[in-house]
Amino acid sequence: MFDDPEIHPVQWQIIQSLRIERTETFSALNKDKLANDWFSFHIRRLKKLHIIEKNENGLYMLTEKGKTISLALNQQVTGVRKQPKVSALVICFIQKKFLIQQRLVEPFYGYYEFMTERTIWGLPTTECITETFRMETGLEAVMVCKGLDHKIDYSVNKTVMDDKYFIIFEATEVKGKLQNEFPEGKNFLMTKEEILVLEKTHFDLANIFTIYETNTVLREIEGFVKNY
């Protein structure tokens, strides 16, 4: 079975729609009425993967690769079985402020978030997040687990858009000089109050702070998103 964890639920919906309708316009594919820039990101992603293409009439259609993937999708009554994403998230408190990053890559370009890293098969989570922390900040630290956050995002039509777990770590015994930039973004130091009033944030930062401050073992949140 084809089950690429990097294919987003929105992209699976596009594949499913083209499997049934064969050709569709951009607006017809955007069934959840996502913002055009976000939906365009998913279209570009599928084109880059050579899963969809445009025909001579400017309509989107599945490529041969896309048809093979859609067949695997069709063979499962309940749709493609996907597992929640698991990432590590780091809260770092230095110089009486918190480390926050601004993304300079799609998706969520320009949004602010705590430093995160997807877990890697066969690699201890603390080792993975410690190395990423060093590479993106220039700092050395000892990671201490603080809790677990489970977040499920839905579209306005109650379609599951994302399902993810965040293992929350605190960076302790921090040493070194903070670097301002890294290839995919910038580092900033802000107070909690400054962070919570940021307009563009990728996560529910207030919830992350709650886990950090209370050592919550597991906090489960459901939310609705327009642009995903």
Foldseek 3Di string as FASTA:
>chain_A
DDDDQVQFPLLQQLLLVCLVVQWAALVVSPPLPFPPVLSVVNVVVCVVVQQWDADPVRTIGGDPVVNVVVVVQVVDPVGDDDDAWEKEFEWEQDPNFTKKWAFCDPDLHRAIETDMDTDDPPDDRQVVVQVVCCQFWVKHFHKDFLAKEWEWEAEPVRHTRHTHMYGYIYTHPIDDHTDQGHPGTGMDTHHPVVVCPDPGHDDPVVVSVVSNVPSYHYDYYYYYDRRD
